[in-house]
N, C-alpha and C. Protein backbone atom coordinates (compact mmCIF):
# COMPACT_ATOMS: atom_id res chain seq x y z
N MET A 1 80.64 157.15 59.64
CA MET A 1 80.84 156.99 60.95
C MET A 1 82.46 157.42 61.31
N PHE A 2 83.26 157.19 60.51
CA PHE A 2 84.73 157.88 60.75
C PHE A 2 84.70 159.20 60.91
N LEU A 3 83.96 159.75 60.32
CA LEU A 3 84.16 161.44 60.46
C LEU A 3 83.21 161.73 61.36
N LEU A 4 82.33 161.19 62.21
CA LEU A 4 81.66 161.36 63.51
C LEU A 4 82.71 161.16 64.49
N TRP A 5 83.61 160.11 64.53
CA TRP A 5 84.59 159.88 65.34
C TRP A 5 85.58 160.90 65.33
N VAL A 6 85.83 161.50 64.07
CA VAL A 6 86.85 162.52 63.96
C VAL A 6 86.45 163.60 64.96
N LEU A 7 85.32 164.13 65.04
CA LEU A 7 84.78 165.13 65.67
C LEU A 7 84.95 164.67 67.46
N GLY A 8 84.35 163.29 67.78
CA GLY A 8 84.63 162.95 68.87
C GLY A 8 85.97 163.05 69.42
N TRP A 9 87.03 162.55 68.46
CA TRP A 9 88.45 162.49 68.99
C TRP A 9 89.01 163.66 69.03
N PHE A 10 88.32 164.88 68.33
CA PHE A 10 88.86 166.23 68.34
C PHE A 10 88.42 166.77 69.65
N VAL A 11 87.30 166.60 70.15
CA VAL A 11 86.78 167.14 71.63
C VAL A 11 87.57 166.53 72.68
N ILE A 12 87.61 165.18 72.68
CA ILE A 12 88.50 164.55 73.77
C ILE A 12 90.02 164.93 73.74
N ALA A 13 90.41 165.11 72.54
CA ALA A 13 91.86 165.75 72.60
C ALA A 13 92.02 166.98 73.21
N ILE A 14 91.13 167.92 72.66
CA ILE A 14 91.22 169.32 73.05
C ILE A 14 90.84 169.59 74.63
N VAL A 15 89.88 168.67 75.07
CA VAL A 15 89.48 168.77 76.52
C VAL A 15 90.76 168.21 77.37
N GLU A 16 91.22 167.31 76.92
CA GLU A 16 92.60 166.71 77.77
C GLU A 16 93.71 167.52 77.57
N LEU A 17 94.03 168.14 76.79
CA LEU A 17 95.08 169.20 76.35
C LEU A 17 94.88 170.34 77.11
N THR A 18 93.63 170.66 77.20
CA THR A 18 93.22 171.99 78.12
C THR A 18 93.44 171.75 79.65
N LEU A 19 92.98 170.53 79.92
CA LEU A 19 93.16 170.18 81.23
C LEU A 19 94.45 170.21 81.60
N TYR A 20 95.26 169.52 80.96
CA TYR A 20 96.82 169.38 80.94
C TYR A 20 97.43 170.55 81.10
N ALA A 21 97.06 171.73 80.32
CA ALA A 21 97.71 173.07 80.40
C ALA A 21 97.43 173.70 81.96
N PHE A 22 96.11 173.35 82.38
CA PHE A 22 95.64 173.88 83.73
C PHE A 22 96.44 173.23 85.04
N ASP A 23 96.17 171.96 84.77
CA ASP A 23 96.39 171.14 86.09
C ASP A 23 97.69 170.28 85.89
N GLY A 24 98.09 170.03 84.74
CA GLY A 24 99.34 169.05 84.67
C GLY A 24 98.93 167.61 84.44
N GLY A 25 99.81 166.78 84.53
CA GLY A 25 99.72 165.63 84.60
C GLY A 25 99.93 164.91 83.45
N VAL A 26 100.70 163.74 83.33
CA VAL A 26 101.22 163.07 82.07
C VAL A 26 100.20 162.39 81.39
N SER A 27 99.19 161.65 82.38
CA SER A 27 98.27 160.88 81.66
C SER A 27 97.31 161.96 80.76
N ARG A 28 97.06 163.11 81.02
CA ARG A 28 96.27 164.11 80.42
C ARG A 28 96.87 164.42 79.06
N LEU A 29 98.42 164.43 79.06
CA LEU A 29 98.90 164.89 77.90
C LEU A 29 98.78 163.63 77.05
N LEU A 30 99.16 162.49 77.50
CA LEU A 30 99.03 161.33 76.90
C LEU A 30 97.78 160.93 76.14
N ILE A 31 96.69 161.26 76.86
CA ILE A 31 95.49 160.96 76.35
C ILE A 31 94.97 161.93 75.38
N GLY A 32 95.76 163.35 75.45
CA GLY A 32 95.17 164.24 74.37
C GLY A 32 95.96 164.07 72.92
N MET A 33 97.37 163.44 73.15
CA MET A 33 97.99 163.13 72.13
C MET A 33 97.67 161.89 71.38
N ILE A 34 97.17 161.11 71.88
CA ILE A 34 96.32 159.71 71.51
C ILE A 34 95.25 160.33 70.52
N GLY A 35 94.48 161.16 71.35
CA GLY A 35 93.13 161.65 70.59
C GLY A 35 93.66 162.37 69.28
N LEU A 36 94.68 163.22 69.42
CA LEU A 36 94.99 163.83 67.93
C LEU A 36 95.22 162.68 67.20
N ILE A 37 96.22 162.05 67.52
CA ILE A 37 96.65 160.74 66.33
C ILE A 37 95.43 160.00 65.93
N ALA A 38 94.40 159.41 66.88
CA ALA A 38 93.23 158.72 66.63
C ALA A 38 92.42 159.78 65.42
N MET A 39 92.21 161.09 65.56
CA MET A 39 91.62 161.91 65.03
C MET A 39 92.28 161.97 63.45
N VAL A 40 93.33 162.16 63.32
CA VAL A 40 94.01 162.06 61.91
C VAL A 40 93.81 160.71 61.43
N ILE A 41 93.82 159.72 62.06
CA ILE A 41 93.68 158.31 61.38
C ILE A 41 92.31 158.03 60.80
N CYS A 42 91.37 158.80 61.82
CA CYS A 42 89.93 158.46 61.44
C CYS A 42 89.68 159.39 60.10
N PHE A 43 90.15 160.61 60.24
CA PHE A 43 89.86 161.48 58.91
C PHE A 43 90.38 160.82 57.82
N LEU A 44 91.64 160.39 57.73
CA LEU A 44 92.20 159.82 56.57
C LEU A 44 91.61 158.29 56.09
N SER A 45 91.16 157.77 57.10
CA SER A 45 90.40 156.61 56.94
C SER A 45 88.96 156.91 56.11
N ALA A 46 88.39 157.91 56.81
CA ALA A 46 87.14 158.30 56.11
C ALA A 46 87.17 158.51 54.55
N VAL A 47 88.39 159.42 54.41
CA VAL A 47 88.58 159.85 53.00
C VAL A 47 89.00 158.90 51.99
N PHE A 48 89.71 157.66 52.30
CA PHE A 48 90.22 156.77 51.60
C PHE A 48 89.11 155.56 51.65
N LEU A 49 88.43 155.40 52.63
CA LEU A 49 87.29 154.51 52.57
C LEU A 49 86.33 154.73 51.39
N LYS A 50 86.07 155.91 51.30
CA LYS A 50 85.18 156.47 50.20
C LYS A 50 85.80 156.09 48.77
N LYS A 51 87.04 156.24 48.78
CA LYS A 51 87.97 156.20 47.32
C LYS A 51 87.78 154.56 47.15
N THR A 52 88.01 153.66 48.18
CA THR A 52 88.33 152.16 47.79
C THR A 52 87.19 151.46 47.97
N ILE A 53 86.33 151.61 48.73
CA ILE A 53 85.01 150.97 49.09
C ILE A 53 83.93 151.36 48.13
N ILE A 54 83.40 152.61 48.86
CA ILE A 54 82.12 153.33 48.18
C ILE A 54 82.25 153.14 46.74
N ASP A 55 83.33 153.90 45.96
CA ASP A 55 83.45 154.02 44.63
C ASP A 55 83.54 152.60 43.94
N ALA A 56 84.14 151.55 44.53
CA ALA A 56 84.20 150.42 44.18
C ALA A 56 82.82 149.81 43.87
N VAL A 57 82.01 149.95 44.95
CA VAL A 57 80.70 149.31 44.74
C VAL A 57 79.79 149.90 43.56
N ASP A 58 79.90 151.45 43.74
CA ASP A 58 79.12 152.04 42.60
C ASP A 58 79.56 151.78 41.33
N GLN A 59 80.82 151.31 41.03
CA GLN A 59 81.41 150.86 39.79
C GLN A 59 81.15 149.30 39.52
N GLY A 60 80.47 148.73 40.51
CA GLY A 60 80.17 147.26 40.39
C GLY A 60 81.27 146.27 40.67
N ARG A 61 82.46 146.80 41.24
CA ARG A 61 83.59 145.92 41.55
C ARG A 61 83.55 145.51 43.05
N PHE A 62 82.66 144.59 42.99
CA PHE A 62 82.21 144.20 44.67
C PHE A 62 83.40 143.04 45.40
N HIS A 63 84.14 142.52 44.35
CA HIS A 63 85.23 141.77 44.99
C HIS A 63 86.31 142.69 45.56
N ASP A 64 86.66 143.69 44.86
CA ASP A 64 87.57 144.67 45.46
C ASP A 64 87.00 145.39 46.64
N ALA A 65 85.69 145.92 46.62
CA ALA A 65 85.18 146.29 47.84
C ALA A 65 85.30 145.35 48.89
N LYS A 66 85.05 144.19 48.72
CA LYS A 66 85.01 143.12 49.94
C LYS A 66 86.40 142.93 50.48
N ASN A 67 87.40 143.03 49.42
CA ASN A 67 88.75 142.90 50.06
C ASN A 67 89.35 144.10 50.78
N ASP A 68 88.99 145.35 49.95
CA ASP A 68 89.40 146.50 50.93
C ASP A 68 88.69 146.67 52.08
N THR A 69 87.54 146.04 52.28
CA THR A 69 86.79 146.17 53.67
C THR A 69 87.57 145.59 54.85
N MET A 70 88.40 144.99 54.46
CA MET A 70 89.20 144.01 55.41
C MET A 70 90.50 144.91 56.09
N VAL A 71 90.65 145.82 55.16
CA VAL A 71 91.91 147.02 55.48
C VAL A 71 91.43 147.85 56.45
N TRP A 72 90.26 148.26 56.17
CA TRP A 72 89.48 149.46 56.74
C TRP A 72 89.04 148.91 58.23
N ILE A 73 88.69 147.57 58.22
CA ILE A 73 88.25 147.12 59.69
C ILE A 73 89.47 147.51 60.46
N MET A 74 90.64 146.96 60.15
CA MET A 74 91.73 147.13 61.06
C MET A 74 91.86 148.59 61.46
N PHE A 75 91.80 149.51 60.43
CA PHE A 75 92.02 150.86 60.94
C PHE A 75 90.76 151.66 61.74
N GLY A 76 89.49 150.91 61.73
CA GLY A 76 88.48 151.15 62.44
C GLY A 76 88.44 151.15 63.67
N PHE A 77 89.31 150.01 64.08
CA PHE A 77 89.70 149.85 65.56
C PHE A 77 90.45 151.06 66.37
N ALA A 78 90.80 151.91 65.71
CA ALA A 78 91.52 153.26 66.16
C ALA A 78 90.32 154.23 66.56
N ALA A 79 89.06 153.63 66.16
CA ALA A 79 87.97 154.86 66.65
C ALA A 79 86.84 154.00 67.35
N PHE A 80 87.55 153.40 68.53
CA PHE A 80 86.40 152.89 69.57
C PHE A 80 85.85 151.67 68.67
N ALA A 81 86.08 151.17 67.82
CA ALA A 81 85.63 149.93 67.06
C ALA A 81 84.40 150.12 66.43
N VAL A 82 83.49 151.14 66.74
CA VAL A 82 82.25 151.40 66.28
C VAL A 82 82.20 151.49 64.58
N PRO A 83 83.24 152.03 63.94
CA PRO A 83 83.25 151.93 62.52
C PRO A 83 83.48 150.48 62.15
N SER A 84 84.38 149.87 62.74
CA SER A 84 84.76 148.49 62.60
C SER A 84 83.64 147.59 62.50
N ILE A 85 82.78 147.61 63.39
CA ILE A 85 81.58 146.96 63.59
C ILE A 85 80.69 146.82 62.24
N LEU A 86 80.58 148.12 61.80
CA LEU A 86 79.68 148.37 60.69
C LEU A 86 80.62 147.86 59.48
N LEU A 87 81.55 147.97 59.58
CA LEU A 87 82.72 147.42 58.35
C LEU A 87 82.53 145.97 58.14
N ILE A 88 82.58 145.48 59.53
CA ILE A 88 82.32 143.90 59.57
C ILE A 88 80.88 143.41 58.81
N LEU A 89 80.19 144.29 59.32
CA LEU A 89 78.77 144.15 58.55
C LEU A 89 78.64 144.46 57.11
N THR A 90 79.17 145.10 56.77
CA THR A 90 79.48 145.54 55.20
C THR A 90 80.29 144.24 54.67
N TYR A 91 81.15 143.60 55.23
CA TYR A 91 82.03 142.71 54.67
C TYR A 91 81.27 141.60 54.40
N ILE A 92 80.27 141.22 55.56
CA ILE A 92 79.38 139.92 55.53
C ILE A 92 78.58 140.18 54.39
N LYS A 93 77.72 141.35 54.15
CA LYS A 93 76.59 141.46 53.21
C LYS A 93 77.34 141.63 51.80
N LEU A 94 78.58 142.35 51.81
CA LEU A 94 79.14 142.21 50.28
C LEU A 94 79.55 140.44 49.87
N GLY A 95 79.78 139.74 50.94
CA GLY A 95 80.01 138.25 50.71
C GLY A 95 78.74 137.73 50.28
N ASP A 96 77.70 138.07 50.93
CA ASP A 96 76.39 137.32 50.46
C ASP A 96 75.71 137.81 49.07
N ALA A 97 75.92 138.90 48.88
CA ALA A 97 75.71 139.46 47.76
C ALA A 97 76.27 138.84 46.60
N ILE A 98 77.74 138.75 46.69
CA ILE A 98 78.60 138.12 45.71
C ILE A 98 78.27 136.79 45.50
N SER A 99 78.00 135.97 46.57
CA SER A 99 77.61 134.33 46.42
C SER A 99 76.36 134.23 45.98
N ALA A 100 75.32 135.08 46.31
CA ALA A 100 73.98 134.90 45.88
C ALA A 100 73.98 135.16 44.15
N HIS A 101 74.81 136.00 43.72
CA HIS A 101 74.51 136.28 42.00
C HIS A 101 75.51 135.33 41.12
N THR A 102 76.45 134.43 42.26
CA THR A 102 77.42 133.83 41.45
C THR A 102 76.57 132.47 40.80
N PRO A 103 76.71 132.26 39.50
CA PRO A 103 75.97 130.95 39.15
C PRO A 103 76.70 129.72 39.60
N VAL A 104 75.81 128.73 39.60
CA VAL A 104 76.27 127.30 40.19
C VAL A 104 77.48 126.96 39.32
N GLY A 105 78.44 126.31 39.96
CA GLY A 105 79.73 125.99 39.36
C GLY A 105 80.64 127.03 38.53
N TYR A 106 80.29 128.09 38.82
CA TYR A 106 81.30 129.42 38.37
C TYR A 106 82.78 129.20 38.73
N MET A 107 83.41 129.38 37.90
CA MET A 107 85.09 129.80 38.35
C MET A 107 85.19 130.93 37.46
N PRO A 108 86.41 131.63 37.59
CA PRO A 108 86.84 132.79 37.14
C PRO A 108 87.18 132.62 35.67
N TYR A 109 87.76 131.43 35.39
CA TYR A 109 88.15 131.16 34.04
C TYR A 109 87.84 129.63 33.86
N SER A 110 87.15 129.43 32.93
CA SER A 110 86.85 128.10 32.54
C SER A 110 87.99 127.12 32.14
N GLN A 111 87.80 125.92 32.58
CA GLN A 111 89.16 124.90 32.45
C GLN A 111 89.63 124.75 31.07
N GLY A 112 90.97 125.15 30.96
CA GLY A 112 91.74 124.77 29.62
C GLY A 112 91.62 126.24 28.93
N SER A 113 91.07 127.16 29.35
CA SER A 113 91.31 128.62 28.57
C SER A 113 92.26 129.31 28.80
N VAL A 114 92.92 128.97 30.05
CA VAL A 114 94.35 129.88 30.33
C VAL A 114 95.26 128.95 30.01
N VAL A 115 96.17 129.70 29.32
CA VAL A 115 97.52 128.87 29.06
C VAL A 115 98.61 129.69 29.43
N ALA A 116 99.42 129.32 30.33
CA ALA A 116 100.51 129.89 30.92
C ALA A 116 101.88 129.64 30.26
N GLN A 117 102.78 130.77 29.92
CA GLN A 117 103.68 130.53 29.19
C GLN A 117 104.92 130.07 30.10
N VAL A 118 105.43 129.20 29.50
CA VAL A 118 106.80 128.59 30.43
C VAL A 118 108.07 129.64 30.18
N PRO A 119 108.67 129.82 31.25
CA PRO A 119 110.06 130.75 30.96
C PRO A 119 111.05 130.18 30.40
N HIS A 120 111.86 130.71 29.59
CA HIS A 120 112.94 130.08 28.95
C HIS A 120 114.01 129.83 29.94
N SER A 121 114.91 128.69 29.96
CA SER A 121 115.68 128.50 30.73
C SER A 121 116.97 129.15 30.34
N ALA A 122 117.60 129.74 31.24
CA ALA A 122 119.13 130.28 30.95
C ALA A 122 120.06 129.27 30.80
N HIS A 123 120.05 128.18 31.24
CA HIS A 123 120.84 127.05 30.96
C HIS A 123 121.02 126.25 29.55
N PRO A 124 122.06 126.31 28.92
CA PRO A 124 122.05 125.83 27.43
C PRO A 124 121.65 124.29 27.66
N HIS A 125 122.34 123.56 28.43
CA HIS A 125 122.07 122.02 28.33
C HIS A 125 120.92 121.53 28.89
N GLN A 126 120.10 122.18 29.61
CA GLN A 126 118.73 121.97 29.84
C GLN A 126 117.45 121.38 28.85
N ALA A 127 116.87 120.62 29.06
CA ALA A 127 115.85 119.93 28.14
C ALA A 127 114.90 121.07 27.76
N PRO A 128 114.37 121.28 26.46
CA PRO A 128 113.19 122.13 26.18
C PRO A 128 111.85 121.66 27.16
N PRO A 129 111.29 122.84 27.35
CA PRO A 129 110.05 122.59 27.93
C PRO A 129 109.03 121.97 27.14
N ALA A 130 108.33 121.05 27.96
CA ALA A 130 107.09 120.36 27.10
C ALA A 130 106.28 121.26 26.77
N PRO A 131 105.51 120.61 25.34
CA PRO A 131 104.67 121.46 24.76
C PRO A 131 103.37 121.56 25.57
N VAL A 132 102.57 122.78 25.66
CA VAL A 132 101.39 122.84 26.43
C VAL A 132 100.30 122.16 25.56
N GLN A 133 99.33 121.38 26.16
CA GLN A 133 98.28 120.58 25.66
C GLN A 133 97.33 121.45 25.42
N ALA A 134 96.64 121.60 24.45
CA ALA A 134 95.43 122.15 24.03
C ALA A 134 94.17 121.20 24.02
N PRO A 135 93.07 121.91 24.64
CA PRO A 135 91.86 121.05 24.96
C PRO A 135 91.68 120.44 23.69
N PRO A 136 90.86 119.21 23.77
CA PRO A 136 90.47 118.27 22.77
C PRO A 136 89.72 119.07 21.69
N GLN A 137 89.94 118.70 20.39
CA GLN A 137 89.23 119.45 19.13
C GLN A 137 87.86 118.92 19.11
N GLY A 138 87.43 117.67 19.55
CA GLY A 138 86.09 117.24 19.48
C GLY A 138 84.78 118.16 20.47
N GLN A 139 85.53 118.65 21.31
CA GLN A 139 84.67 119.27 22.50
C GLN A 139 84.49 120.56 22.27
N PRO A 140 83.55 121.51 21.89
CA PRO A 140 83.48 122.94 21.96
C PRO A 140 83.66 123.34 23.49
N PRO A 141 84.02 124.51 23.67
CA PRO A 141 84.00 125.05 24.97
C PRO A 141 82.78 125.35 25.56
N GLN A 142 82.46 125.14 26.88
CA GLN A 142 81.23 124.99 27.38
C GLN A 142 80.84 126.83 27.71
N PRO A 143 79.43 127.22 27.23
CA PRO A 143 79.25 128.52 27.50
C PRO A 143 79.20 128.55 28.86
N GLN A 144 79.38 129.77 29.54
CA GLN A 144 79.05 130.22 31.01
C GLN A 144 77.51 130.52 30.91
N TYR A 145 76.86 130.18 31.79
CA TYR A 145 75.29 130.32 32.03
C TYR A 145 75.27 131.53 33.28
N HIS A 146 74.53 132.56 32.82
CA HIS A 146 74.23 133.38 33.95
C HIS A 146 72.84 133.46 34.25
N PRO A 147 72.01 133.12 35.04
CA PRO A 147 70.77 132.98 35.05
C PRO A 147 70.06 134.46 35.30
N HIS A 148 70.89 135.44 35.63
CA HIS A 148 69.93 136.89 35.61
C HIS A 148 70.75 137.62 34.33
N THR A 149 69.99 138.62 34.20
CA THR A 149 70.57 139.71 33.16
C THR A 149 70.73 141.10 34.07
N THR A 150 71.54 141.86 33.59
CA THR A 150 71.60 142.86 34.38
C THR A 150 71.50 144.03 33.16
N PRO A 151 70.52 145.16 33.58
CA PRO A 151 70.07 146.17 32.51
C PRO A 151 71.38 146.78 32.28
N MET A 152 71.63 147.26 31.05
CA MET A 152 72.94 147.99 30.74
C MET A 152 72.46 149.25 30.27
N LEU A 153 73.64 150.28 30.20
CA LEU A 153 73.49 151.48 29.80
C LEU A 153 74.43 151.97 28.98
N ARG A 154 74.42 152.75 27.69
CA ARG A 154 75.44 152.85 27.07
C ARG A 154 75.94 154.44 27.35
N CYS A 155 77.18 154.69 27.31
CA CYS A 155 78.02 155.90 27.93
C CYS A 155 77.93 156.77 26.77
N LYS A 156 77.51 158.17 26.69
CA LYS A 156 77.63 159.07 25.91
C LYS A 156 78.55 159.40 25.34
N ASN A 157 79.83 159.58 26.07
CA ASN A 157 81.09 159.92 25.61
C ASN A 157 82.01 158.62 24.96
N CYS A 158 82.13 157.57 25.60
CA CYS A 158 82.87 156.52 25.03
C CYS A 158 82.39 155.53 24.37
N ASN A 159 80.66 155.44 24.31
CA ASN A 159 80.03 154.38 23.98
C ASN A 159 80.27 153.14 24.65
N VAL A 160 80.72 153.05 25.63
CA VAL A 160 80.97 151.72 26.53
C VAL A 160 79.57 151.49 27.15
N GLN A 161 79.18 150.23 27.07
CA GLN A 161 78.37 149.43 27.96
C GLN A 161 78.59 149.19 29.48
N PHE A 162 77.77 149.81 30.47
CA PHE A 162 78.05 149.33 31.74
C PHE A 162 76.59 149.44 32.37
N PRO A 163 76.59 148.73 33.60
CA PRO A 163 75.46 148.27 34.43
C PRO A 163 74.80 149.71 34.72
N MET A 164 73.34 149.57 34.65
CA MET A 164 72.52 150.86 35.08
C MET A 164 72.74 151.18 36.73
N PHE A 165 73.16 150.26 37.52
CA PHE A 165 73.42 150.50 38.90
C PHE A 165 74.40 151.52 39.12
N MET A 166 75.48 151.57 38.35
CA MET A 166 76.63 152.34 38.40
C MET A 166 76.33 153.98 38.09
N HIS A 167 76.77 154.59 39.03
CA HIS A 167 76.75 156.05 38.87
C HIS A 167 77.43 156.66 37.55
N THR A 168 78.67 156.31 37.58
CA THR A 168 79.61 156.69 36.47
C THR A 168 79.98 155.52 35.71
N CYS A 169 80.72 155.99 34.31
CA CYS A 169 81.01 155.25 33.25
C CYS A 169 82.47 154.42 33.98
N PRO A 170 82.68 153.31 34.00
CA PRO A 170 84.03 152.88 34.53
C PRO A 170 85.23 152.95 33.30
N ASN A 171 84.88 153.31 32.17
CA ASN A 171 85.89 153.65 31.04
C ASN A 171 86.38 155.04 31.48
N CYS A 172 85.32 156.10 31.11
CA CYS A 172 85.75 157.43 31.16
C CYS A 172 85.37 158.23 32.28
N GLY A 173 84.64 157.66 33.21
CA GLY A 173 84.27 158.25 34.50
C GLY A 173 83.13 159.51 34.43
N ALA A 174 82.37 159.33 33.38
CA ALA A 174 81.40 160.22 32.84
C ALA A 174 80.33 159.90 33.75
N PRO A 175 79.37 160.87 34.30
CA PRO A 175 78.14 160.51 35.01
C PRO A 175 77.13 160.02 34.02
N LYS A 176 76.26 159.11 34.68
CA LYS A 176 75.23 158.44 33.74
C LYS A 176 74.27 159.29 33.49
N GLU A 177 73.63 159.49 32.38
CA GLU A 177 72.60 160.46 32.12
C GLU A 177 71.29 159.81 31.87
């Protein structure tokens, strides 16, 4: 849609600048210049949208794609808001897809598995930091339950497994065969 609006803004800018050359009028010059600026913004948005959102979805990085969609929604308002409406729908659908496949009670890190390092104090008279508590020894870590399995494919170049829906290997970038 951004590329379609590049064409639209190009036509608007050329028509307005041509009419300014024949008739004059500051408003025609202003609309023509705004059209050229909007055309450049739409073209750059189309190029970078593919690199940030479409490639992220192809590689299975749905959270990154969803977060980057918000940035391009703002840029989409430079093109009569039509691309922004489609990107808002994309943002909603990515959110639905992420929440539908998230297991119940899923957290990115299980409780007690991440230990933060305490920075050393520069002041010599300060008390030493308290030791970090380890999880109790009697309780084994709870396994993460994933109710669905994704079919995997092994890369011919680097031997890394990746989901079959991805078009390229996330490690080396080789196309799937």
